[in-house]
Amino acid sequence: MNSIAERWIGSCRREATDRILITGQRHLRLVVNEYAEHYNRHRPHRSLGQRPPDPLITPEPRPASASTSVCRRDRLGGLIREYKQVA
């Protein structure tokens, strides 16, 4: 379990906290909670076939076509961007 925790902490530091000036404990908690939600619900994981670990998410995304439009959601002030197909 230690290696899993170290991997998550390293990802959080590289992708979020190293790129933001943290102004206090409350701000740090907000950033880490936002990153954890992104990590578990949206971020693709190579070992899971490019799917997020949250089981509530649909397992396979629809294949993209020429008429597929994409919606972008900015998180942490644009530091993290999430993309989703729009029907």
PDB file of N, CA and C in Angstrom:
ATOM      1  N   MET A   1       0.809  -1.189   0.000  1.00  0.00           N
ATOM      2  CA  MET A   1       0.000   0.000   0.000  1.00  0.00           C
ATOM      3  C   MET A   1       0.859   1.263   0.000  1.00  0.00           C
ATOM      4  N   ASN A   2       2.059   1.167   0.549  1.00  0.00           N
ATOM      5  CA  ASN A   2       2.915   2.339   0.598  1.00  0.00           C
ATOM      6  C   ASN A   2       3.275   2.818  -0.802  1.00  0.00           C
ATOM      7  N   SER A   3       3.543   1.897  -1.720  1.00  0.00           N
ATOM      8  CA  SER A   3       3.904   2.304  -3.080  1.00  0.00           C
ATOM      9  C   SER A   3       2.721   2.963  -3.791  1.00  0.00           C
ATOM     10  N   ILE A   4       1.516   2.502  -3.530  1.00  0.00           N
ATOM     11  CA  ILE A   4       0.324   3.107  -4.135  1.00  0.00           C
ATOM     12  C   ILE A   4       0.128   4.521  -3.606  1.00  0.00           C
ATOM     13  N   ALA A   5       0.286   4.697  -2.303  1.00  0.00           N
ATOM     14  CA  ALA A   5       0.147   6.028  -1.699  1.00  0.00           C
ATOM     15  C   ALA A   5       1.227   6.971  -2.225  1.00  0.00           C
ATOM     16  N   GLU A   6       2.460   6.487  -2.344  1.00  0.00           N
ATOM     17  CA  GLU A   6       3.528   7.329  -2.859  1.00  0.00           C
ATOM     18  C   GLU A   6       3.284   7.715  -4.313  1.00  0.00           C
ATOM     19  N   ARG A   7       2.736   6.808  -5.107  1.00  0.00           N
ATOM     20  CA  ARG A   7       2.427   7.109  -6.504  1.00  0.00           C
ATOM     21  C   ARG A   7       1.360   8.208  -6.591  1.00  0.00           C
ATOM     22  N   TRP A   8       0.304   8.114  -5.760  1.00  0.00           N
ATOM     23  CA  TRP A   8      -0.764   9.111  -5.784  1.00  0.00           C
ATOM     24  C   TRP A   8      -0.235  10.474  -5.328  1.00  0.00           C
ATOM     25  N   ILE A   9       0.553  10.475  -4.276  1.00  0.00           N
ATOM     26  CA  ILE A   9       1.101  11.733  -3.771  1.00  0.00           C
ATOM     27  C   ILE A   9       2.005  12.369  -4.821  1.00  0.00           C
ATOM     28  N   GLY A  10       2.828  11.559  -5.490  1.00  0.00           N
ATOM     29  CA  GLY A  10       3.689  12.088  -6.541  1.00  0.00           C
ATOM     30  C   GLY A  10       2.886  12.677  -7.692  1.00  0.00           C
ATOM     31  N   SER A  11       1.816  11.992  -8.098  1.00  0.00           N
ATOM     32  CA  SER A  11       0.953  12.510  -9.173  1.00  0.00           C
ATOM     33  C   SER A  11       0.297  13.813  -8.761  1.00  0.00           C
ATOM     34  N   CYS A  12      -0.200  13.864  -7.545  1.00  0.00           N
ATOM     35  CA  CYS A  12      -0.858  15.081  -7.043  1.00  0.00           C
ATOM     36  C   CYS A  12       0.128  16.244  -7.012  1.00  0.00           C
ATOM     37  N   ARG A  13       1.333  15.994  -6.553  1.00  0.00           N
ATOM     38  CA  ARG A  13       2.331  17.065  -6.507  1.00  0.00           C
ATOM     39  C   ARG A  13       2.698  17.539  -7.898  1.00  0.00           C
ATOM     40  N   ARG A  14       3.005  16.604  -8.818  1.00  0.00           N
ATOM     41  CA  ARG A  14       3.430  16.988 -10.168  1.00  0.00           C
ATOM     42  C   ARG A  14       2.338  17.701 -10.941  1.00  0.00           C
ATOM     43  N   GLU A  15       1.098  17.228 -10.836  1.00  0.00           N
ATOM     44  CA  GLU A  15       0.019  17.744 -11.670  1.00  0.00           C
ATOM     45  C   GLU A  15      -0.753  18.903 -11.049  1.00  0.00           C
ATOM     46  N   ALA A  16      -0.659  19.092  -9.739  1.00  0.00           N
ATOM     47  CA  ALA A  16      -1.484  20.126  -9.115  1.00  0.00           C
ATOM     48  C   ALA A  16      -0.693  21.051  -8.193  1.00  0.00           C
ATOM     49  N   THR A  17      -0.210  20.542  -7.077  1.00  0.00           N
ATOM     50  CA  THR A  17       0.313  21.442  -6.047  1.00  0.00           C
ATOM     51  C   THR A  17       1.626  22.109  -6.414  1.00  0.00           C
ATOM     52  N   ASP A  18       2.451  21.502  -7.283  1.00  0.00           N
ATOM     53  CA  ASP A  18       3.702  22.157  -7.688  1.00  0.00           C
ATOM     54  C   ASP A  18       3.458  23.313  -8.643  1.00  0.00           C
ATOM     55  N   ARG A  19       2.280  23.418  -9.213  1.00  0.00           N
ATOM     56  CA  ARG A  19       1.987  24.449 -10.212  1.00  0.00           C
ATOM     57  C   ARG A  19       1.105  25.576  -9.683  1.00  0.00           C
ATOM     58  N   ILE A  20       0.750  25.499  -8.405  1.00  0.00           N
ATOM     59  CA  ILE A  20      -0.124  26.501  -7.791  1.00  0.00           C
ATOM     60  C   ILE A  20       0.556  27.030  -6.531  1.00  0.00           C
ATOM     61  N   LEU A  21       0.455  28.321  -6.306  1.00  0.00           N
ATOM     62  CA  LEU A  21       0.950  28.903  -5.068  1.00  0.00           C
ATOM     63  C   LEU A  21      -0.104  28.659  -3.992  1.00  0.00           C
ATOM     64  N   ILE A  22       0.195  27.798  -3.055  1.00  0.00           N
ATOM     65  CA  ILE A  22      -0.730  27.452  -1.970  1.00  0.00           C
ATOM     66  C   ILE A  22      -0.620  28.521  -0.893  1.00  0.00           C
ATOM     67  N   THR A  23      -1.761  29.105  -0.520  1.00  0.00           N
ATOM     68  CA  THR A  23      -1.750  30.220   0.423  1.00  0.00           C
ATOM     69  C   THR A  23      -2.095  29.828   1.852  1.00  0.00           C
ATOM     70  N   GLY A  24      -2.499  28.601   2.087  1.00  0.00           N
ATOM     71  CA  GLY A  24      -2.833  28.180   3.441  1.00  0.00           C
ATOM     72  C   GLY A  24      -3.377  26.767   3.447  1.00  0.00           C
ATOM     73  N   GLN A  25      -3.670  26.289   4.646  1.00  0.00           N
ATOM     74  CA  GLN A  25      -4.156  24.920   4.797  1.00  0.00           C
ATOM     75  C   GLN A  25      -5.514  24.722   4.107  1.00  0.00           C
ATOM     76  N   ARG A  26      -6.390  25.679   4.216  1.00  0.00           N
ATOM     77  CA  ARG A  26      -7.711  25.560   3.590  1.00  0.00           C
ATOM     78  C   ARG A  26      -7.587  25.499   2.065  1.00  0.00           C
ATOM     79  N   HIS A  27      -6.708  26.317   1.510  1.00  0.00           N
ATOM     80  CA  HIS A  27      -6.482  26.315   0.068  1.00  0.00           C
ATOM     81  C   HIS A  27      -5.872  24.980  -0.379  1.00  0.00           C
ATOM     82  N   LEU A  28      -4.925  24.450   0.402  1.00  0.00           N
ATOM     83  CA  LEU A  28      -4.321  23.156   0.088  1.00  0.00           C
ATOM     84  C   LEU A  28      -5.369  22.053   0.083  1.00  0.00           C
ATOM     85  N   ARG A  29      -6.249  22.043   1.068  1.00  0.00           N
ATOM     86  CA  ARG A  29      -7.311  21.024   1.108  1.00  0.00           C
ATOM     87  C   ARG A  29      -8.235  21.140  -0.101  1.00  0.00           C
ATOM     88  N   LEU A  30      -8.570  22.349  -0.499  1.00  0.00           N
ATOM     89  CA  LEU A  30      -9.427  22.552  -1.667  1.00  0.00           C
ATOM     90  C   LEU A  30      -8.761  22.015  -2.931  1.00  0.00           C
ATOM     91  N   VAL A  31      -7.478  22.318  -3.114  1.00  0.00           N
ATOM     92  CA  VAL A  31      -6.749  21.868  -4.300  1.00  0.00           C
ATOM     93  C   VAL A  31      -6.634  20.343  -4.308  1.00  0.00           C
ATOM     94  N   VAL A  32      -6.272  19.744  -3.188  1.00  0.00           N
ATOM     95  CA  VAL A  32      -6.113  18.287  -3.131  1.00  0.00           C
ATOM     96  C   VAL A  32      -7.449  17.586  -3.321  1.00  0.00           C
ATOM     97  N   ASN A  33      -8.530  18.100  -2.746  1.00  0.00           N
ATOM     98  CA  ASN A  33      -9.850  17.488  -2.940  1.00  0.00           C
ATOM     99  C   ASN A  33     -10.296  17.581  -4.395  1.00  0.00           C
ATOM    100  N   GLU A  34     -10.050  18.708  -5.031  1.00  0.00           N
ATOM    101  CA  GLU A  34     -10.410  18.878  -6.443  1.00  0.00           C
ATOM    102  C   GLU A  34      -9.598  17.923  -7.316  1.00  0.00           C
ATOM    103  N   TYR A  35      -8.306  17.791  -7.016  1.00  0.00           N
ATOM    104  CA  TYR A  35      -7.472  16.877  -7.785  1.00  0.00           C
ATOM    105  C   TYR A  35      -7.906  15.427  -7.563  1.00  0.00           C
ATOM    106  N   ALA A  36      -8.243  15.059  -6.330  1.00  0.00           N
ATOM    107  CA  ALA A  36      -8.676  13.690  -6.040  1.00  0.00           C
ATOM    108  C   ALA A  36      -9.953  13.350  -6.800  1.00  0.00           C
ATOM    109  N   GLU A  37     -10.874  14.294  -6.889  1.00  0.00           N
ATOM    110  CA  GLU A  37     -12.102  14.048  -7.652  1.00  0.00           C
ATOM    111  C   GLU A  37     -11.775  13.860  -9.133  1.00  0.00           C
ATOM    112  N   HIS A  38     -10.895  14.696  -9.668  1.00  0.00           N
ATOM    113  CA  HIS A  38     -10.475  14.553 -11.064  1.00  0.00           C
ATOM    114  C   HIS A  38      -9.780  13.205 -11.275  1.00  0.00           C
ATOM    115  N   TYR A  39      -8.904  12.835 -10.368  1.00  0.00           N
ATOM    116  CA  TYR A  39      -8.124  11.599 -10.475  1.00  0.00           C
ATOM    117  C   TYR A  39      -9.029  10.365 -10.480  1.00  0.00           C
ATOM    118  N   ASN A  40     -10.043  10.362  -9.647  1.00  0.00           N
ATOM    119  CA  ASN A  40     -10.907   9.185  -9.511  1.00  0.00           C
ATOM    120  C   ASN A  40     -12.067   9.147 -10.500  1.00  0.00           C
ATOM    121  N   ARG A  41     -12.495  10.280 -11.019  1.00  0.00           N
ATOM    122  CA  ARG A  41     -13.684  10.291 -11.878  1.00  0.00           C
ATOM    123  C   ARG A  41     -13.416  10.579 -13.347  1.00  0.00           C
ATOM    124  N   HIS A  42     -12.247  11.150 -13.665  1.00  0.00           N
ATOM    125  CA  HIS A  42     -12.045  11.529 -15.057  1.00  0.00           C
ATOM    126  C   HIS A  42     -10.696  11.106 -15.640  1.00  0.00           C
ATOM    127  N   ARG A  43      -9.642  11.224 -14.886  1.00  0.00           N
ATOM    128  CA  ARG A  43      -8.296  10.996 -15.404  1.00  0.00           C
ATOM    129  C   ARG A  43      -8.133   9.555 -15.881  1.00  0.00           C
ATOM    130  N   PRO A  44      -7.664   9.351 -17.127  1.00  0.00           N
ATOM    131  CA  PRO A  44      -7.481   7.990 -17.623  1.00  0.00           C
ATOM    132  C   PRO A  44      -6.273   7.314 -16.971  1.00  0.00           C
ATOM    133  N   HIS A  45      -6.416   6.029 -16.686  1.00  0.00           N
ATOM    134  CA  HIS A  45      -5.352   5.239 -16.080  1.00  0.00           C
ATOM    135  C   HIS A  45      -4.947   4.146 -17.063  1.00  0.00           C
ATOM    136  N   ARG A  46      -3.674   4.075 -17.366  1.00  0.00           N
ATOM    137  CA  ARG A  46      -3.179   3.115 -18.355  1.00  0.00           C
ATOM    138  C   ARG A  46      -3.496   1.678 -17.956  1.00  0.00           C
ATOM    139  N   SER A  47      -3.358   1.341 -16.679  1.00  0.00           N
ATOM    140  CA  SER A  47      -3.588  -0.032 -16.238  1.00  0.00           C
ATOM    141  C   SER A  47      -5.060  -0.432 -16.301  1.00  0.00           C
ATOM    142  N   LEU A  48      -5.963   0.535 -16.418  1.00  0.00           N
ATOM    143  CA  LEU A  48      -7.404   0.252 -16.485  1.00  0.00           C
ATOM    144  C   LEU A  48      -7.952   0.422 -17.898  1.00  0.00           C
ATOM    145  N   GLY A  49      -7.098   0.376 -18.902  1.00  0.00           N
ATOM    146  CA  GLY A  49      -7.557   0.531 -20.277  1.00  0.00           C
ATOM    147  C   GLY A  49      -8.005   1.947 -20.590  1.00  0.00           C
ATOM    148  N   GLN A  50      -7.297   2.941 -20.069  1.00  0.00           N
ATOM    149  CA  GLN A  50      -7.594   4.366 -20.277  1.00  0.00           C
ATOM    150  C   GLN A  50      -8.959   4.769 -19.716  1.00  0.00           C
ATOM    151  N   ARG A  51      -9.383   4.087 -18.658  1.00  0.00           N
ATOM    152  CA  ARG A  51     -10.628   4.437 -17.977  1.00  0.00           C
ATOM    153  C   ARG A  51     -10.317   4.921 -16.569  1.00  0.00           C
ATOM    154  N   PRO A  52     -11.171   5.749 -15.989  1.00  0.00           N
ATOM    155  CA  PRO A  52     -10.965   6.184 -14.604  1.00  0.00           C
ATOM    156  C   PRO A  52     -11.332   5.063 -13.636  1.00  0.00           C
ATOM    157  N   PRO A  53     -10.809   5.102 -12.401  1.00  0.00           N
ATOM    158  CA  PRO A  53     -11.086   4.027 -11.453  1.00  0.00           C
ATOM    159  C   PRO A  53     -12.484   4.035 -10.850  1.00  0.00           C
ATOM    160  N   ASP A  54     -13.207   5.123 -10.937  1.00  0.00           N
ATOM    161  CA  ASP A  54     -14.537   5.197 -10.340  1.00  0.00           C
ATOM    162  C   ASP A  54     -15.495   4.262 -11.086  1.00  0.00           C
ATOM    163  N   PRO A  55     -16.106   3.302 -10.402  1.00  0.00           N
ATOM    164  CA  PRO A  55     -16.993   2.348 -11.081  1.00  0.00           C
ATOM    165  C   PRO A  55     -18.315   2.950 -11.546  1.00  0.00           C
ATOM    166  N   LEU A  56     -18.632   4.161 -11.123  1.00  0.00           N
ATOM    167  CA  LEU A  56     -19.895   4.772 -11.524  1.00  0.00           C
ATOM    168  C   LEU A  56     -19.847   5.327 -12.940  1.00  0.00           C
ATOM    169  N   ILE A  57     -18.654   5.479 -13.485  1.00  0.00           N
ATOM    170  CA  ILE A  57     -18.477   6.009 -14.833  1.00  0.00           C
ATOM    171  C   ILE A  57     -18.727   4.875 -15.825  1.00  0.00           C
ATOM    172  N   THR A  58     -19.315   5.212 -16.977  1.00  0.00           N
ATOM    173  CA  THR A  58     -19.555   4.202 -18.006  1.00  0.00           C
ATOM    174  C   THR A  58     -18.234   3.579 -18.437  1.00  0.00           C
ATOM    175  N   PRO A  59     -18.192   2.270 -18.645  1.00  0.00           N
ATOM    176  CA  PRO A  59     -16.926   1.596 -18.891  1.00  0.00           C
ATOM    177  C   PRO A  59     -16.249   1.937 -20.213  1.00  0.00           C
ATOM    178  N   GLU A  60     -16.974   2.100 -21.282  1.00  0.00           N
ATOM    179  CA  GLU A  60     -16.378   2.354 -22.587  1.00  0.00           C
ATOM    180  C   GLU A  60     -16.921   3.647 -23.187  1.00  0.00           C
ATOM    181  N   PRO A  61     -16.055   4.572 -23.577  1.00  0.00           N
ATOM    182  CA  PRO A  61     -16.544   5.772 -24.260  1.00  0.00           C
ATOM    183  C   PRO A  61     -16.990   5.434 -25.673  1.00  0.00           C
ATOM    184  N   ARG A  62     -17.919   6.237 -26.186  1.00  0.00           N
ATOM    185  CA  ARG A  62     -18.385   6.034 -27.564  1.00  0.00           C
ATOM    186  C   ARG A  62     -17.279   6.414 -28.533  1.00  0.00           C
ATOM    187  N   PRO A  63     -17.198   5.720 -29.668  1.00  0.00           N
ATOM    188  CA  PRO A  63     -16.200   6.123 -30.661  1.00  0.00           C
ATOM    189  C   PRO A  63     -16.544   7.486 -31.258  1.00  0.00           C
ATOM    190  N   ALA A  64     -15.536   8.287 -31.497  1.00  0.00           N
ATOM    191  CA  ALA A  64     -15.739   9.620 -32.048  1.00  0.00           C
ATOM    192  C   ALA A  64     -15.988   9.541 -33.547  1.00  0.00           C
ATOM    193  N   SER A  65     -16.833  10.421 -34.031  1.00  0.00           N
ATOM    194  CA  SER A  65     -17.099  10.520 -35.466  1.00  0.00           C
ATOM    195  C   SER A  65     -16.784  11.949 -35.917  1.00  0.00           C
ATOM    196  N   ALA A  66     -16.979  12.215 -37.180  1.00  0.00           N
ATOM    197  CA  ALA A  66     -16.683  13.551 -37.718  1.00  0.00           C
ATOM    198  C   ALA A  66     -17.616  14.611 -37.146  1.00  0.00           C
ATOM    199  N   SER A  67     -18.826  14.227 -36.759  1.00  0.00           N
ATOM    200  CA  SER A  67     -19.793  15.202 -36.257  1.00  0.00           C
ATOM    201  C   SER A  67     -19.811  15.281 -34.724  1.00  0.00           C
ATOM    202  N   THR A  68     -18.881  14.618 -34.052  1.00  0.00           N
ATOM    203  CA  THR A  68     -18.838  14.634 -32.596  1.00  0.00           C
ATOM    204  C   THR A  68     -18.328  15.975 -32.103  1.00  0.00           C
ATOM    205  N   SER A  69     -19.057  16.584 -31.183  1.00  0.00           N
ATOM    206  CA  SER A  69     -18.575  17.819 -30.570  1.00  0.00           C
ATOM    207  C   SER A  69     -18.057  17.506 -29.172  1.00  0.00           C
ATOM    208  N   VAL A  70     -17.113  18.314 -28.736  1.00  0.00           N
ATOM    209  CA  VAL A  70     -16.432  18.071 -27.474  1.00  0.00           C
ATOM    210  C   VAL A  70     -16.653  19.262 -26.554  1.00  0.00           C
ATOM    211  N   CYS A  71     -16.926  18.968 -25.289  1.00  0.00           N
ATOM    212  CA  CYS A  71     -17.121  19.996 -24.269  1.00  0.00           C
ATOM    213  C   CYS A  71     -15.916  19.951 -23.326  1.00  0.00           C
ATOM    214  N   ARG A  72     -15.333  21.114 -23.027  1.00  0.00           N
ATOM    215  CA  ARG A  72     -14.186  21.191 -22.134  1.00  0.00           C
ATOM    216  C   ARG A  72     -14.604  21.790 -20.803  1.00  0.00           C
ATOM    217  N   ARG A  73     -14.121  21.195 -19.712  1.00  0.00           N
ATOM    218  CA  ARG A  73     -14.375  21.705 -18.369  1.00  0.00           C
ATOM    219  C   ARG A  73     -13.029  21.997 -17.721  1.00  0.00           C
ATOM    220  N   ASP A  74     -12.842  23.227 -17.281  1.00  0.00           N
ATOM    221  CA  ASP A  74     -11.611  23.616 -16.599  1.00  0.00           C
ATOM    222  C   ASP A  74     -11.758  23.376 -15.107  1.00  0.00           C
ATOM    223  N   ARG A  75     -10.707  22.808 -14.506  1.00  0.00           N
ATOM    224  CA  ARG A  75     -10.660  22.602 -13.065  1.00  0.00           C
ATOM    225  C   ARG A  75      -9.401  23.264 -12.535  1.00  0.00           C
ATOM    226  N   LEU A  76      -9.452  23.714 -11.324  1.00  0.00           N
ATOM    227  CA  LEU A  76      -8.343  24.409 -10.675  1.00  0.00           C
ATOM    228  C   LEU A  76      -7.877  25.601 -11.501  1.00  0.00           C
ATOM    229  N   GLY A  77      -8.835  26.371 -11.975  1.00  0.00           N
ATOM    230  CA  GLY A  77      -8.523  27.589 -12.712  1.00  0.00           C
ATOM    231  C   GLY A  77      -7.901  27.345 -14.074  1.00  0.00           C
ATOM    232  N   GLY A  78      -8.161  26.198 -14.677  1.00  0.00           N
ATOM    233  CA  GLY A  78      -7.626  25.884 -15.995  1.00  0.00           C
ATOM    234  C   GLY A  78      -6.359  25.055 -15.949  1.00  0.00           C
ATOM    235  N   LEU A  79      -5.855  24.744 -14.770  1.00  0.00           N
ATOM    236  CA  LEU A  79      -4.667  23.912 -14.653  1.00  0.00           C
ATOM    237  C   LEU A  79      -4.945  22.496 -15.149  1.00  0.00           C
ATOM    238  N   ILE A  80      -6.120  22.000 -14.847  1.00  0.00           N
ATOM    239  CA  ILE A  80      -6.550  20.681 -15.298  1.00  0.00           C
ATOM    240  C   ILE A  80      -7.743  20.884 -16.214  1.00  0.00           C
ATOM    241  N   ARG A  81      -7.722  20.221 -17.350  1.00  0.00           N
ATOM    242  CA  ARG A  81      -8.842  20.311 -18.299  1.00  0.00           C
ATOM    243  C   ARG A  81      -9.421  18.939 -18.533  1.00  0.00           C
ATOM    244  N   GLU A  82     -10.734  18.850 -18.466  1.00  0.00           N
ATOM    245  CA  GLU A  82     -11.430  17.599 -18.723  1.00  0.00           C
ATOM    246  C   GLU A  82     -12.253  17.766 -19.992  1.00  0.00           C
ATOM    247  N   TYR A  83     -12.231  16.748 -20.828  1.00  0.00           N
ATOM    248  CA  TYR A  83     -12.962  16.783 -22.092  1.00  0.00           C
ATOM    249  C   TYR A  83     -13.995  15.682 -22.093  1.00  0.00           C
ATOM    250  N   LYS A  84     -15.168  15.987 -22.674  1.00  0.00           N
ATOM    251  CA  LYS A  84     -16.272  15.026 -22.734  1.00  0.00           C
ATOM    252  C   LYS A  84     -16.994  15.181 -24.056  1.00  0.00           C
ATOM    253  N   GLN A  85     -17.411  14.058 -24.632  1.00  0.00           N
ATOM    254  CA  GLN A  85     -18.197  14.114 -25.859  1.00  0.00           C
ATOM    255  C   GLN A  85     -19.607  14.578 -25.541  1.00  0.00           C
ATOM    256  N   VAL A  86     -20.151  15.415 -26.412  1.00  0.00           N
ATOM    257  CA  VAL A  86     -21.513  15.913 -26.249  1.00  0.00           C
ATOM    258  C   VAL A  86     -22.371  15.275 -27.319  1.00  0.00           C
ATOM    259  N   ALA A  87     -23.509  14.753 -26.894  1.00  0.00           N
ATOM    260  CA  ALA A  87     -24.402  14.072 -27.851  1.00  0.00           C
ATOM    261  C   ALA A  87     -25.073  15.053 -28.768  1.00  0.00           C
TER     262      ALA A  87
END
